[in-house]
């Protein structure tokens, strides 16, 4: 396997995981969200709040009830930082609110899980 093949597969796996986490049907199921989060998960949300693996479940479960459609994600791209570590960047838009997002996905126990996420609101294009 070449380095490019590993990078493409790793980035694709991270993007697939990220898109699952944006799906309100997945977000409404705490077990499905937990499966996608690294045990050491940390998030700095667009609100400025810090979340860990336990506290984010209250937010994602509540979102699933209030959000009828997936959040629109655009410009998603990724880079393999090291074997088993992918950095994703993308934008989301929901109800006119745009957020620039960064995620770090880590492979452990043969599974890709979200290790770190940060959302930063964007006021202009």
PDB file of N, CA and C in Angstrom:
ATOM      1  N   UNK A   1       0.846  -1.180   0.000  1.00  0.00           N
ATOM      2  CA  UNK A   1       0.000   0.000   0.000  1.00  0.00           C
ATOM      3  C   UNK A   1       0.890   1.241   0.000  1.00  0.00           C
ATOM      4  N   UNK A   2       0.592   2.167  -0.874  1.00  0.00           N
ATOM      5  CA  UNK A   2       1.377   3.398  -0.935  1.00  0.00           C
ATOM      6  C   UNK A   2       0.869   4.388   0.113  1.00  0.00           C
ATOM      7  N   UNK A   3       1.700   5.390   0.390  1.00  0.00           N
ATOM      8  CA  UNK A   3       1.317   6.431   1.338  1.00  0.00           C
ATOM      9  C   UNK A   3       0.044   7.144   0.914  1.00  0.00           C
ATOM     10  N   UNK A   4      -0.106   7.353  -0.420  1.00  0.00           N
ATOM     11  CA  UNK A   4      -1.311   8.021  -0.918  1.00  0.00           C
ATOM     12  C   UNK A   4      -2.557   7.185  -0.673  1.00  0.00           C
ATOM     13  N   UNK A   5      -2.451   5.859  -0.862  1.00  0.00           N
ATOM     14  CA  UNK A   5      -3.597   4.981  -0.605  1.00  0.00           C
ATOM     15  C   UNK A   5      -4.012   5.051   0.864  1.00  0.00           C
ATOM     16  N   UNK A   6      -3.017   5.010   1.753  1.00  0.00           N
ATOM     17  CA  UNK A   6      -3.316   5.093   3.185  1.00  0.00           C
ATOM     18  C   UNK A   6      -3.963   6.431   3.511  1.00  0.00           C
ATOM     19  N   UNK A   7      -3.428   7.510   2.942  1.00  0.00           N
ATOM     20  CA  UNK A   7      -4.002   8.833   3.213  1.00  0.00           C
ATOM     21  C   UNK A   7      -5.435   8.910   2.701  1.00  0.00           C
ATOM     22  N   UNK A   8      -5.678   8.451   1.489  1.00  0.00           N
ATOM     23  CA  UNK A   8      -7.028   8.514   0.921  1.00  0.00           C
ATOM     24  C   UNK A   8      -8.019   7.705   1.752  1.00  0.00           C
ATOM     25  N   UNK A   9      -7.642   6.483   2.145  1.00  0.00           N
ATOM     26  CA  UNK A   9      -8.542   5.652   2.951  1.00  0.00           C
ATOM     27  C   UNK A   9      -8.791   6.271   4.323  1.00  0.00           C
ATOM     28  N   UNK A  10      -7.749   6.807   4.928  1.00  0.00           N
ATOM     29  CA  UNK A  10      -7.872   7.405   6.254  1.00  0.00           C
ATOM     30  C   UNK A  10      -8.760   8.645   6.215  1.00  0.00           C
ATOM     31  N   UNK A  11      -8.521   9.513   5.241  1.00  0.00           N
ATOM     32  CA  UNK A  11      -9.324  10.736   5.116  1.00  0.00           C
ATOM     33  C   UNK A  11     -10.773  10.379   4.814  1.00  0.00           C
ATOM     34  N   UNK A  12     -10.987   9.421   3.928  1.00  0.00           N
ATOM     35  CA  UNK A  12     -12.356   8.997   3.593  1.00  0.00           C
ATOM     36  C   UNK A  12     -13.080   8.460   4.830  1.00  0.00           C
ATOM     37  N   UNK A  13     -12.391   7.664   5.653  1.00  0.00           N
ATOM     38  CA  UNK A  13     -12.999   7.122   6.879  1.00  0.00           C
ATOM     39  C   UNK A  13     -13.369   8.249   7.845  1.00  0.00           C
ATOM     40  N   UNK A  14     -12.504   9.247   7.975  1.00  0.00           N
ATOM     41  CA  UNK A  14     -12.789  10.377   8.868  1.00  0.00           C
ATOM     42  C   UNK A  14     -13.975  11.195   8.346  1.00  0.00           C
ATOM     43  N   UNK A  15     -14.013  11.427   7.044  1.00  0.00           N
ATOM     44  CA  UNK A  15     -15.128  12.182   6.459  1.00  0.00           C
ATOM     45  C   UNK A  15     -16.438  11.422   6.660  1.00  0.00           C
ATOM     46  N   UNK A  16     -16.426  10.106   6.442  1.00  0.00           N
ATOM     47  CA  UNK A  16     -17.641   9.312   6.655  1.00  0.00           C
ATOM     48  C   UNK A  16     -18.120   9.413   8.106  1.00  0.00           C
ATOM     49  N   UNK A  17     -17.187   9.364   9.048  1.00  0.00           N
ATOM     50  CA  UNK A  17     -17.554   9.506  10.454  1.00  0.00           C
ATOM     51  C   UNK A  17     -18.124  10.881  10.760  1.00  0.00           C
ATOM     52  N   UNK A  18     -17.491  11.904  10.209  1.00  0.00           N
ATOM     53  CA  UNK A  18     -17.967  13.279  10.432  1.00  0.00           C
ATOM     54  C   UNK A  18     -19.378  13.453   9.888  1.00  0.00           C
ATOM     55  N   UNK A  19     -19.623  12.956   8.696  1.00  0.00           N
ATOM     56  CA  UNK A  19     -20.954  13.077   8.102  1.00  0.00           C
ATOM     57  C   UNK A  19     -21.994  12.319   8.918  1.00  0.00           C
ATOM     58  N   UNK A  20     -21.623  11.190   9.485  1.00  0.00           N
ATOM     59  CA  UNK A  20     -22.554  10.461  10.359  1.00  0.00           C
ATOM     60  C   UNK A  20     -22.904  11.318  11.574  1.00  0.00           C
ATOM     61  N   UNK A  21     -21.895  11.978  12.155  1.00  0.00           N
ATOM     62  CA  UNK A  21     -22.154  12.809  13.338  1.00  0.00           C
ATOM     63  C   UNK A  21     -23.033  14.018  13.016  1.00  0.00           C
ATOM     64  N   UNK A  22     -23.048  14.455  11.777  1.00  0.00           N
ATOM     65  CA  UNK A  22     -23.900  15.581  11.387  1.00  0.00           C
ATOM     66  C   UNK A  22     -25.336  15.145  11.103  1.00  0.00           C
ATOM     67  N   UNK A  23     -25.571  13.863  10.981  1.00  0.00           N
ATOM     68  CA  UNK A  23     -26.903  13.327  10.675  1.00  0.00           C
ATOM     69  C   UNK A  23     -27.756  13.346  11.940  1.00  0.00           C
ATOM     70  N   UNK A  24     -28.885  14.044  11.929  1.00  0.00           N
ATOM     71  CA  UNK A  24     -29.712  14.131  13.138  1.00  0.00           C
ATOM     72  C   UNK A  24     -30.230  12.779  13.629  1.00  0.00           C
ATOM     73  N   UNK A  25     -30.384  11.807  12.725  1.00  0.00           N
ATOM     74  CA  UNK A  25     -30.826  10.469  13.158  1.00  0.00           C
ATOM     75  C   UNK A  25     -29.750   9.797  14.000  1.00  0.00           C
ATOM     76  N   UNK A  26     -28.478  10.022  13.652  1.00  0.00           N
ATOM     77  CA  UNK A  26     -27.368   9.470  14.439  1.00  0.00           C
ATOM     78  C   UNK A  26     -27.244  10.248  15.746  1.00  0.00           C
ATOM     79  N   UNK A  27     -27.311  11.580  15.654  1.00  0.00           N
ATOM     80  CA  UNK A  27     -27.160  12.439  16.840  1.00  0.00           C
ATOM     81  C   UNK A  27     -28.223  12.159  17.898  1.00  0.00           C
ATOM     82  N   UNK A  28     -29.388  11.700  17.466  1.00  0.00           N
ATOM     83  CA  UNK A  28     -30.482  11.424  18.404  1.00  0.00           C
ATOM     84  C   UNK A  28     -30.251  10.135  19.194  1.00  0.00           C
ATOM     85  N   UNK A  29     -29.265   9.346  18.792  1.00  0.00           N
ATOM     86  CA  UNK A  29     -29.002   8.066  19.454  1.00  0.00           C
ATOM     87  C   UNK A  29     -27.682   8.144  20.226  1.00  0.00           C
ATOM     88  N   UNK A  30     -27.722   8.297  21.533  1.00  0.00           N
ATOM     89  CA  UNK A  30     -26.491   8.412  22.321  1.00  0.00           C
ATOM     90  C   UNK A  30     -25.506   7.269  22.081  1.00  0.00           C
ATOM     91  N   UNK A  31     -26.005   6.048  21.876  1.00  0.00           N
ATOM     92  CA  UNK A  31     -25.100   4.925  21.632  1.00  0.00           C
ATOM     93  C   UNK A  31     -24.348   5.090  20.314  1.00  0.00           C
ATOM     94  N   UNK A  32     -25.010   5.614  19.291  1.00  0.00           N
ATOM     95  CA  UNK A  32     -24.374   5.827  17.988  1.00  0.00           C
ATOM     96  C   UNK A  32     -23.332   6.941  18.077  1.00  0.00           C
ATOM     97  N   UNK A  33     -23.645   8.002  18.823  1.00  0.00           N
ATOM     98  CA  UNK A  33     -22.689   9.103  18.993  1.00  0.00           C
ATOM     99  C   UNK A  33     -21.476   8.607  19.782  1.00  0.00           C
ATOM    100  N   UNK A  34     -21.713   7.911  20.867  1.00  0.00           N
ATOM    101  CA  UNK A  34     -20.627   7.401  21.698  1.00  0.00           C
ATOM    102  C   UNK A  34     -19.683   6.524  20.892  1.00  0.00           C
ATOM    103  N   UNK A  35     -20.236   5.725  20.007  1.00  0.00           N
ATOM    104  CA  UNK A  35     -19.435   4.837  19.157  1.00  0.00           C
ATOM    105  C   UNK A  35     -18.465   5.626  18.275  1.00  0.00           C
ATOM    106  N   UNK A  36     -18.843   6.848  17.901  1.00  0.00           N
ATOM    107  CA  UNK A  36     -18.019   7.669  17.012  1.00  0.00           C
ATOM    108  C   UNK A  36     -17.044   8.592  17.753  1.00  0.00           C
ATOM    109  N   UNK A  37     -17.145   8.658  19.075  1.00  0.00           N
ATOM    110  CA  UNK A  37     -16.290   9.561  19.852  1.00  0.00           C
ATOM    111  C   UNK A  37     -15.170   8.807  20.545  1.00  0.00           C
ATOM    112  N   UNK A  38     -13.967   9.347  20.446  1.00  0.00           N
ATOM    113  CA  UNK A  38     -12.814   8.809  21.151  1.00  0.00           C
ATOM    114  C   UNK A  38     -13.053   8.939  22.661  1.00  0.00           C
ATOM    115  N   UNK A  39     -12.565   8.006  23.471  1.00  0.00           N
ATOM    116  CA  UNK A  39     -12.735   8.128  24.923  1.00  0.00           C
ATOM    117  C   UNK A  39     -12.174   9.446  25.479  1.00  0.00           C
ATOM    118  N   UNK A  40     -11.189  10.044  24.796  1.00  0.00           N
ATOM    119  CA  UNK A  40     -10.584  11.302  25.253  1.00  0.00           C
ATOM    120  C   UNK A  40     -11.121  12.506  24.482  1.00  0.00           C
ATOM    121  N   UNK A  41     -12.292  12.368  23.859  1.00  0.00           N
ATOM    122  CA  UNK A  41     -12.888  13.435  23.054  1.00  0.00           C
ATOM    123  C   UNK A  41     -13.006  14.755  23.816  1.00  0.00           C
ATOM    124  N   UNK A  42     -12.690  15.854  23.102  1.00  0.00           N
ATOM    125  CA  UNK A  42     -12.878  17.219  23.590  1.00  0.00           C
ATOM    126  C   UNK A  42     -13.410  18.070  22.439  1.00  0.00           C
ATOM    127  N   UNK A  43     -14.329  18.969  22.744  1.00  0.00           N
ATOM    128  CA  UNK A  43     -14.833  19.913  21.747  1.00  0.00           C
ATOM    129  C   UNK A  43     -14.889  21.300  22.344  1.00  0.00           C
ATOM    130  N   UNK A  44     -14.485  22.283  21.530  1.00  0.00           N
ATOM    131  CA  UNK A  44     -14.735  23.681  21.818  1.00  0.00           C
ATOM    132  C   UNK A  44     -15.791  24.097  20.815  1.00  0.00           C
ATOM    133  N   UNK A  45     -17.031  24.228  21.283  1.00  0.00           N
ATOM    134  CA  UNK A  45     -18.152  24.499  20.398  1.00  0.00           C
ATOM    135  C   UNK A  45     -18.189  25.934  19.907  1.00  0.00           C
ATOM    136  N   UNK A  46     -19.023  26.158  18.895  1.00  0.00           N
ATOM    137  CA  UNK A  46     -19.204  27.500  18.341  1.00  0.00           C
ATOM    138  C   UNK A  46     -19.721  28.464  19.407  1.00  0.00           C
ATOM    139  N   UNK A  47     -20.343  27.915  20.446  1.00  0.00           N
ATOM    140  CA  UNK A  47     -20.853  28.725  21.556  1.00  0.00           C
ATOM    141  C   UNK A  47     -19.734  29.173  22.500  1.00  0.00           C
ATOM    142  N   UNK A  48     -18.559  28.541  22.357  1.00  0.00           N
ATOM    143  CA  UNK A  48     -17.459  28.828  23.268  1.00  0.00           C
ATOM    144  C   UNK A  48     -17.368  27.823  24.410  1.00  0.00           C
ATOM    145  N   UNK A  49     -18.368  26.960  24.540  1.00  0.00           N
ATOM    146  CA  UNK A  49     -18.365  25.961  25.611  1.00  0.00           C
ATOM    147  C   UNK A  49     -17.401  24.828  25.299  1.00  0.00           C
ATOM    148  N   UNK A  50     -16.876  24.217  26.358  1.00  0.00           N
ATOM    149  CA  UNK A  50     -16.015  23.045  26.241  1.00  0.00           C
ATOM    150  C   UNK A  50     -16.852  21.816  26.589  1.00  0.00           C
ATOM    151  N   UNK A  51     -16.742  20.776  25.768  1.00  0.00           N
ATOM    152  CA  UNK A  51     -17.481  19.542  25.979  1.00  0.00           C
ATOM    153  C   UNK A  51     -16.508  18.368  26.049  1.00  0.00           C
ATOM    154  N   UNK A  52     -16.938  17.327  26.774  1.00  0.00           N
ATOM    155  CA  UNK A  52     -16.220  16.064  26.741  1.00  0.00           C
ATOM    156  C   UNK A  52     -17.192  15.011  26.222  1.00  0.00           C
ATOM    157  N   UNK A  53     -16.781  13.783  26.243  1.00  0.00           N
ATOM    158  CA  UNK A  53     -17.588  12.698  25.668  1.00  0.00           C
ATOM    159  C   UNK A  53     -18.953  12.571  26.341  1.00  0.00           C
ATOM    160  N   UNK A  54     -19.026  12.805  27.637  1.00  0.00           N
ATOM    161  CA  UNK A  54     -20.295  12.686  28.359  1.00  0.00           C
ATOM    162  C   UNK A  54     -21.180  13.912  28.134  1.00  0.00           C
ATOM    163  N   UNK A  55     -20.621  15.109  28.285  1.00  0.00           N
ATOM    164  CA  UNK A  55     -21.445  16.323  28.197  1.00  0.00           C
ATOM    165  C   UNK A  55     -21.963  16.598  26.791  1.00  0.00           C
ATOM    166  N   UNK A  56     -21.274  16.129  25.752  1.00  0.00           N
ATOM    167  CA  UNK A  56     -21.756  16.383  24.387  1.00  0.00           C
ATOM    168  C   UNK A  56     -23.020  15.589  24.090  1.00  0.00           C
ATOM    169  N   UNK A  57     -23.232  14.476  24.792  1.00  0.00           N
ATOM    170  CA  UNK A  57     -24.419  13.659  24.528  1.00  0.00           C
ATOM    171  C   UNK A  57     -25.716  14.404  24.831  1.00  0.00           C
ATOM    172  N   UNK A  58     -25.713  15.258  25.827  1.00  0.00           N
ATOM    173  CA  UNK A  58     -26.913  16.046  26.140  1.00  0.00           C
ATOM    174  C   UNK A  58     -27.244  16.986  24.986  1.00  0.00           C
ATOM    175  N   UNK A  59     -26.229  17.536  24.358  1.00  0.00           N
ATOM    176  CA  UNK A  59     -26.426  18.465  23.248  1.00  0.00           C
ATOM    177  C   UNK A  59     -26.863  17.719  21.988  1.00  0.00           C
ATOM    178  N   UNK A  60     -26.180  16.636  21.661  1.00  0.00           N
ATOM    179  CA  UNK A  60     -26.512  15.926  20.426  1.00  0.00           C
ATOM    180  C   UNK A  60     -27.885  15.279  20.500  1.00  0.00           C
ATOM    181  N   UNK A  61     -28.243  14.732  21.636  1.00  0.00           N
ATOM    182  CA  UNK A  61     -29.564  14.114  21.781  1.00  0.00           C
ATOM    183  C   UNK A  61     -30.670  15.153  21.656  1.00  0.00           C
ATOM    184  N   UNK A  62     -30.472  16.325  22.231  1.00  0.00           N
ATOM    185  CA  UNK A  62     -31.458  17.403  22.136  1.00  0.00           C
ATOM    186  C   UNK A  62     -31.559  17.897  20.702  1.00  0.00           C
ATOM    187  N   UNK A  63     -30.402  17.990  19.995  1.00  0.00           N
ATOM    188  CA  UNK A  63     -30.415  18.448  18.601  1.00  0.00           C
ATOM    189  C   UNK A  63     -31.254  17.537  17.727  1.00  0.00           C
ATOM    190  N   UNK A  64     -31.174  16.238  17.967  1.00  0.00           N
ATOM    191  CA  UNK A  64     -31.909  15.287  17.140  1.00  0.00           C
ATOM    192  C   UNK A  64     -33.406  15.532  17.168  1.00  0.00           C
ATOM    193  N   UNK A  65     -33.929  16.056  18.273  1.00  0.00           N
ATOM    194  CA  UNK A  65     -35.356  16.335  18.375  1.00  0.00           C
ATOM    195  C   UNK A  65     -35.718  17.626  17.655  1.00  0.00           C
ATOM    196  N   UNK A  66     -34.795  18.583  17.615  1.00  0.00           N
ATOM    197  CA  UNK A  66     -35.098  19.908  17.086  1.00  0.00           C
ATOM    198  C   UNK A  66     -34.699  20.109  15.628  1.00  0.00           C
ATOM    199  N   UNK A  67     -33.793  19.292  15.098  1.00  0.00           N
ATOM    200  CA  UNK A  67     -33.259  19.505  13.761  1.00  0.00           C
ATOM    201  C   UNK A  67     -33.855  18.479  12.803  1.00  0.00           C
ATOM    202  N   UNK A  68     -34.744  18.902  11.898  1.00  0.00           N
ATOM    203  CA  UNK A  68     -35.405  17.951  11.022  1.00  0.00           C
ATOM    204  C   UNK A  68     -34.542  17.464   9.859  1.00  0.00           C
ATOM    205  N   UNK A  69     -33.505  18.193   9.499  1.00  0.00           N
ATOM    206  CA  UNK A  69     -32.667  17.816   8.363  1.00  0.00           C
ATOM    207  C   UNK A  69     -31.199  17.934   8.763  1.00  0.00           C
ATOM    208  N   UNK A  70     -30.333  17.192   8.061  1.00  0.00           N
ATOM    209  CA  UNK A  70     -28.905  17.300   8.376  1.00  0.00           C
ATOM    210  C   UNK A  70     -28.393  18.719   8.168  1.00  0.00           C
ATOM    211  N   UNK A  71     -27.392  19.072   8.932  1.00  0.00           N
ATOM    212  CA  UNK A  71     -26.714  20.358   8.768  1.00  0.00           C
ATOM    213  C   UNK A  71     -25.961  20.299   7.452  1.00  0.00           C
ATOM    214  N   UNK A  72     -25.995  21.380   6.664  1.00  0.00           N
ATOM    215  CA  UNK A  72     -25.275  21.415   5.388  1.00  0.00           C
ATOM    216  C   UNK A  72     -23.787  21.616   5.652  1.00  0.00           C
ATOM    217  N   UNK A  73     -22.974  20.684   5.166  1.00  0.00           N
ATOM    218  CA  UNK A  73     -21.524  20.774   5.296  1.00  0.00           C
ATOM    219  C   UNK A  73     -20.927  20.957   3.912  1.00  0.00           C
ATOM    220  N   UNK A  74     -20.003  21.917   3.777  1.00  0.00           N
ATOM    221  CA  UNK A  74     -19.363  22.172   2.490  1.00  0.00           C
ATOM    222  C   UNK A  74     -17.858  22.282   2.674  1.00  0.00           C
ATOM    223  N   UNK A  75     -17.161  22.063   1.568  1.00  0.00           N
ATOM    224  CA  UNK A  75     -15.710  22.252   1.548  1.00  0.00           C
ATOM    225  C   UNK A  75     -14.951  21.298   2.443  1.00  0.00           C
ATOM    226  N   UNK A  76     -15.482  20.099   2.678  1.00  0.00           N
ATOM    227  CA  UNK A  76     -14.821  19.176   3.594  1.00  0.00           C
ATOM    228  C   UNK A  76     -13.573  18.606   2.941  1.00  0.00           C
ATOM    229  N   UNK A  77     -12.446  18.764   3.624  1.00  0.00           N
ATOM    230  CA  UNK A  77     -11.190  18.191   3.137  1.00  0.00           C
ATOM    231  C   UNK A  77     -10.380  17.723   4.329  1.00  0.00           C
ATOM    232  N   UNK A  78      -9.450  16.829   4.058  1.00  0.00           N
ATOM    233  CA  UNK A  78      -8.682  16.260   5.145  1.00  0.00           C
ATOM    234  C   UNK A  78      -7.241  16.007   4.773  1.00  0.00           C
ATOM    235  N   UNK A  79      -6.431  15.861   5.807  1.00  0.00           N
ATOM    236  CA  UNK A  79      -5.006  15.581   5.671  1.00  0.00           C
ATOM    237  C   UNK A  79      -4.617  14.538   6.694  1.00  0.00           C
ATOM    238  N   UNK A  80      -3.848  13.553   6.260  1.00  0.00           N
ATOM    239  CA  UNK A  80      -3.300  12.564   7.170  1.00  0.00           C
ATOM    240  C   UNK A  80      -2.098  13.202   7.857  1.00  0.00           C
ATOM    241  N   UNK A  81      -2.212  13.464   9.167  1.00  0.00           N
ATOM    242  CA  UNK A  81      -1.121  14.102   9.916  1.00  0.00           C
ATOM    243  C   UNK A  81      -0.037  13.093  10.278  1.00  0.00           C
ATOM    244  N   UNK A  82      -0.465  11.888  10.591  1.00  0.00           N
ATOM    245  CA  UNK A  82       0.420  10.782  10.959  1.00  0.00           C
ATOM    246  C   UNK A  82      -0.423   9.524  10.822  1.00  0.00           C
ATOM    247  N   UNK A  83       0.195   8.349  10.772  1.00  0.00           N
ATOM    248  CA  UNK A  83      -0.633   7.146  10.705  1.00  0.00           C
ATOM    249  C   UNK A  83      -1.658   7.126  11.843  1.00  0.00           C
ATOM    250  N   UNK A  84      -2.938   6.975  11.470  1.00  0.00           N
ATOM    251  CA  UNK A  84      -3.995   6.920  12.470  1.00  0.00           C
ATOM    252  C   UNK A  84      -4.458   8.265  12.995  1.00  0.00           C
ATOM    253  N   UNK A  85      -4.108   9.363  12.292  1.00  0.00           N
ATOM    254  CA  UNK A  85      -4.491  10.700  12.760  1.00  0.00           C
ATOM    255  C   UNK A  85      -4.820  11.593  11.559  1.00  0.00           C
ATOM    256  N   UNK A  86      -6.092  12.020  11.447  1.00  0.00           N
ATOM    257  CA  UNK A  86      -6.554  12.825  10.315  1.00  0.00           C
ATOM    258  C   UNK A  86      -7.122  14.145  10.814  1.00  0.00           C
ATOM    259  N   UNK A  87      -6.773  15.228  10.116  1.00  0.00           N
ATOM    260  CA  UNK A  87      -7.314  16.563  10.394  1.00  0.00           C
ATOM    261  C   UNK A  87      -8.295  16.915   9.279  1.00  0.00           C
ATOM    262  N   UNK A  88      -9.552  17.226   9.649  1.00  0.00           N
ATOM    263  CA  UNK A  88     -10.574  17.651   8.693  1.00  0.00           C
ATOM    264  C   UNK A  88     -10.895  19.124   8.902  1.00  0.00           C
ATOM    265  N   UNK A  89     -11.187  19.820   7.807  1.00  0.00           N
ATOM    266  CA  UNK A  89     -11.699  21.185   7.877  1.00  0.00           C
ATOM    267  C   UNK A  89     -12.923  21.272   6.967  1.00  0.00           C
ATOM    268  N   UNK A  90     -13.909  22.080   7.380  1.00  0.00           N
ATOM    269  CA  UNK A  90     -15.119  22.261   6.583  1.00  0.00           C
ATOM    270  C   UNK A  90     -15.948  23.392   7.167  1.00  0.00           C
ATOM    271  N   UNK A  91     -16.994  23.763   6.438  1.00  0.00           N
ATOM    272  CA  UNK A  91     -17.950  24.773   6.892  1.00  0.00           C
ATOM    273  C   UNK A  91     -19.306  24.102   7.052  1.00  0.00           C
ATOM    274  N   UNK A  92     -20.078  24.599   8.024  1.00  0.00           N
ATOM    275  CA  UNK A  92     -21.467  24.177   8.130  1.00  0.00           C
ATOM    276  C   UNK A  92     -22.346  25.407   8.107  1.00  0.00           C
ATOM    277  N   UNK A  93     -23.585  25.190   7.662  1.00  0.00           N
ATOM    278  CA  UNK A  93     -24.576  26.262   7.689  1.00  0.00           C
ATOM    279  C   UNK A  93     -25.904  25.659   8.096  1.00  0.00           C
ATOM    280  N   UNK A  94     -26.539  26.327   9.051  1.00  0.00           N
ATOM    281  CA  UNK A  94     -27.848  25.884   9.515  1.00  0.00           C
ATOM    282  C   UNK A  94     -28.603  27.110  10.002  1.00  0.00           C
ATOM    283  N   UNK A  95     -29.799  27.318   9.485  1.00  0.00           N
ATOM    284  CA  UNK A  95     -30.627  28.473   9.859  1.00  0.00           C
ATOM    285  C   UNK A  95     -29.863  29.784   9.688  1.00  0.00           C
ATOM    286  N   UNK A  96     -29.073  29.896   8.620  1.00  0.00           N
ATOM    287  CA  UNK A  96     -28.339  31.124   8.338  1.00  0.00           C
ATOM    288  C   UNK A  96     -27.071  31.307   9.153  1.00  0.00           C
ATOM    289  N   UNK A  97     -26.758  30.377  10.016  1.00  0.00           N
ATOM    290  CA  UNK A  97     -25.550  30.479  10.847  1.00  0.00           C
ATOM    291  C   UNK A  97     -24.438  29.648  10.220  1.00  0.00           C
ATOM    292  N   UNK A  98     -23.332  30.318   9.896  1.00  0.00           N
ATOM    293  CA  UNK A  98     -22.181  29.638   9.297  1.00  0.00           C
ATOM    294  C   UNK A  98     -21.111  29.424  10.353  1.00  0.00           C
ATOM    295  N   UNK A  99     -20.513  28.231  10.332  1.00  0.00           N
ATOM    296  CA  UNK A  99     -19.488  27.876  11.314  1.00  0.00           C
ATOM    297  C   UNK A  99     -18.335  27.180  10.590  1.00  0.00           C
ATOM    298  N   UNK A 100     -17.120  27.662  10.833  1.00  0.00           N
ATOM    299  CA  UNK A 100     -15.908  27.016  10.319  1.00  0.00           C
ATOM    300  C   UNK A 100     -15.528  25.931  11.318  1.00  0.00           C
ATOM    301  N   UNK A 101     -15.264  24.716  10.833  1.00  0.00           N
ATOM    302  CA  UNK A 101     -15.045  23.585  11.724  1.00  0.00           C
ATOM    303  C   UNK A 101     -13.729  22.869  11.439  1.00  0.00           C
ATOM    304  N   UNK A 102     -13.117  22.395  12.515  1.00  0.00           N
ATOM    305  CA  UNK A 102     -11.892  21.601  12.468  1.00  0.00           C
ATOM    306  C   UNK A 102     -12.100  20.374  13.332  1.00  0.00           C
ATOM    307  N   UNK A 103     -11.721  19.220  12.808  1.00  0.00           N
ATOM    308  CA  UNK A 103     -11.838  17.977  13.562  1.00  0.00           C
ATOM    309  C   UNK A 103     -10.546  17.182  13.443  1.00  0.00           C
ATOM    310  N   UNK A 104     -10.202  16.506  14.516  1.00  0.00           N
ATOM    311  CA  UNK A 104      -9.095  15.551  14.510  1.00  0.00           C
ATOM    312  C   UNK A 104      -9.712  14.183  14.779  1.00  0.00           C
ATOM    313  N   UNK A 105      -9.494  13.258  13.856  1.00  0.00           N
ATOM    314  CA  UNK A 105      -9.977  11.886  13.985  1.00  0.00           C
ATOM    315  C   UNK A 105      -8.789  10.988  14.269  1.00  0.00           C
ATOM    316  N   UNK A 106      -8.970  10.065  15.209  1.00  0.00           N
ATOM    317  CA  UNK A 106      -7.900   9.163  15.621  1.00  0.00           C
ATOM    318  C   UNK A 106      -8.380   7.718  15.477  1.00  0.00           C
ATOM    319  N   UNK A 107      -7.510   6.885  14.910  1.00  0.00           N
ATOM    320  CA  UNK A 107      -7.840   5.461  14.787  1.00  0.00           C
ATOM    321  C   UNK A 107      -7.281   4.731  16.000  1.00  0.00           C
ATOM    322  N   UNK A 108      -8.176   4.032  16.686  1.00  0.00           N
ATOM    323  CA  UNK A 108      -7.753   3.189  17.803  1.00  0.00           C
ATOM    324  C   UNK A 108      -8.625   1.949  17.786  1.00  0.00           C
ATOM    325  N   UNK A 109      -8.049   0.831  18.145  1.00  0.00           N
ATOM    326  CA  UNK A 109      -8.778  -0.441  18.117  1.00  0.00           C
ATOM    327  C   UNK A 109      -9.427  -0.661  16.750  1.00  0.00           C
ATOM    328  N   UNK A 110      -8.709  -0.302  15.679  1.00  0.00           N
ATOM    329  CA  UNK A 110      -9.162  -0.477  14.286  1.00  0.00           C
ATOM    330  C   UNK A 110     -10.409   0.336  13.942  1.00  0.00           C
ATOM    331  N   UNK A 111     -10.741   1.358  14.738  1.00  0.00           N
ATOM    332  CA  UNK A 111     -11.913   2.199  14.463  1.00  0.00           C
ATOM    333  C   UNK A 111     -11.502   3.654  14.467  1.00  0.00           C
ATOM    334  N   UNK A 112     -12.106   4.426  13.563  1.00  0.00           N
ATOM    335  CA  UNK A 112     -11.878   5.861  13.532  1.00  0.00           C
ATOM    336  C   UNK A 112     -12.886   6.527  14.459  1.00  0.00           C
ATOM    337  N   UNK A 113     -12.368   7.394  15.336  1.00  0.00           N
ATOM    338  CA  UNK A 113     -13.229   8.118  16.277  1.00  0.00           C
ATOM    339  C   UNK A 113     -12.791   9.582  16.348  1.00  0.00           C
ATOM    340  N   UNK A 114     -13.765  10.433  16.609  1.00  0.00           N
ATOM    341  CA  UNK A 114     -13.494  11.863  16.730  1.00  0.00           C
ATOM    342  C   UNK A 114     -12.776  12.126  18.052  1.00  0.00           C
ATOM    343  N   UNK A 115     -11.577  12.686  17.953  1.00  0.00           N
ATOM    344  CA  UNK A 115     -10.749  12.971  19.120  1.00  0.00           C
ATOM    345  C   UNK A 115     -10.910  14.430  19.572  1.00  0.00           C
ATOM    346  N   UNK A 116     -10.976  15.371  18.597  1.00  0.00           N
ATOM    347  CA  UNK A 116     -11.077  16.790  18.928  1.00  0.00           C
ATOM    348  C   UNK A 116     -11.909  17.490  17.865  1.00  0.00           C
ATOM    349  N   UNK A 117     -12.718  18.463  18.294  1.00  0.00           N
ATOM    350  CA  UNK A 117     -13.517  19.255  17.358  1.00  0.00           C
ATOM    351  C   UNK A 117     -13.596  20.693  17.858  1.00  0.00           C
ATOM    352  N   UNK A 118     -13.547  21.630  16.904  1.00  0.00           N
ATOM    353  CA  UNK A 118     -13.744  23.037  17.241  1.00  0.00           C
ATOM    354  C   UNK A 118     -14.585  23.688  16.167  1.00  0.00           C
ATOM    355  N   UNK A 119     -15.566  24.478  16.603  1.00  0.00           N
ATOM    356  CA  UNK A 119     -16.410  25.251  15.691  1.00  0.00           C
ATOM    357  C   UNK A 119     -16.247  26.735  15.994  1.00  0.00           C
ATOM    358  N   UNK A 120     -16.020  27.522  14.932  1.00  0.00           N
ATOM    359  CA  UNK A 120     -15.843  28.963  15.076  1.00  0.00           C
ATOM    360  C   UNK A 120     -16.850  29.674  14.179  1.00  0.00           C
ATOM    361  N   UNK A 121     -17.768  30.462  14.759  1.00  0.00           N
ATOM    362  CA  UNK A 121     -18.755  31.179  13.929  1.00  0.00           C
ATOM    363  C   UNK A 121     -18.072  32.115  12.935  1.00  0.00           C
ATOM    364  N   UNK A 122     -18.691  32.224  11.760  1.00  0.00           N
ATOM    365  CA  UNK A 122     -18.177  33.092  10.705  1.00  0.00           C
ATOM    366  C   UNK A 122     -19.245  34.141  10.419  1.00  0.00           C
ATOM    367  N   UNK A 123     -18.877  35.407  10.486  1.00  0.00           N
ATOM    368  CA  UNK A 123     -19.837  36.482  10.249  1.00  0.00           C
ATOM    369  C   UNK A 123     -19.910  36.910   8.797  1.00  0.00           C
ATOM    370  N   UNK A 124     -18.845  36.696   8.032  1.00  0.00           N
ATOM    371  CA  UNK A 124     -18.852  37.096   6.630  1.00  0.00           C
ATOM    372  C   UNK A 124     -18.365  35.942   5.772  1.00  0.00           C
ATOM    373  N   UNK A 125     -18.681  35.970   4.465  1.00  0.00           N
ATOM    374  CA  UNK A 125     -18.294  34.865   3.568  1.00  0.00           C
ATOM    375  C   UNK A 125     -16.823  34.630   3.441  1.00  0.00           C
TER     376      UNK A 125
END
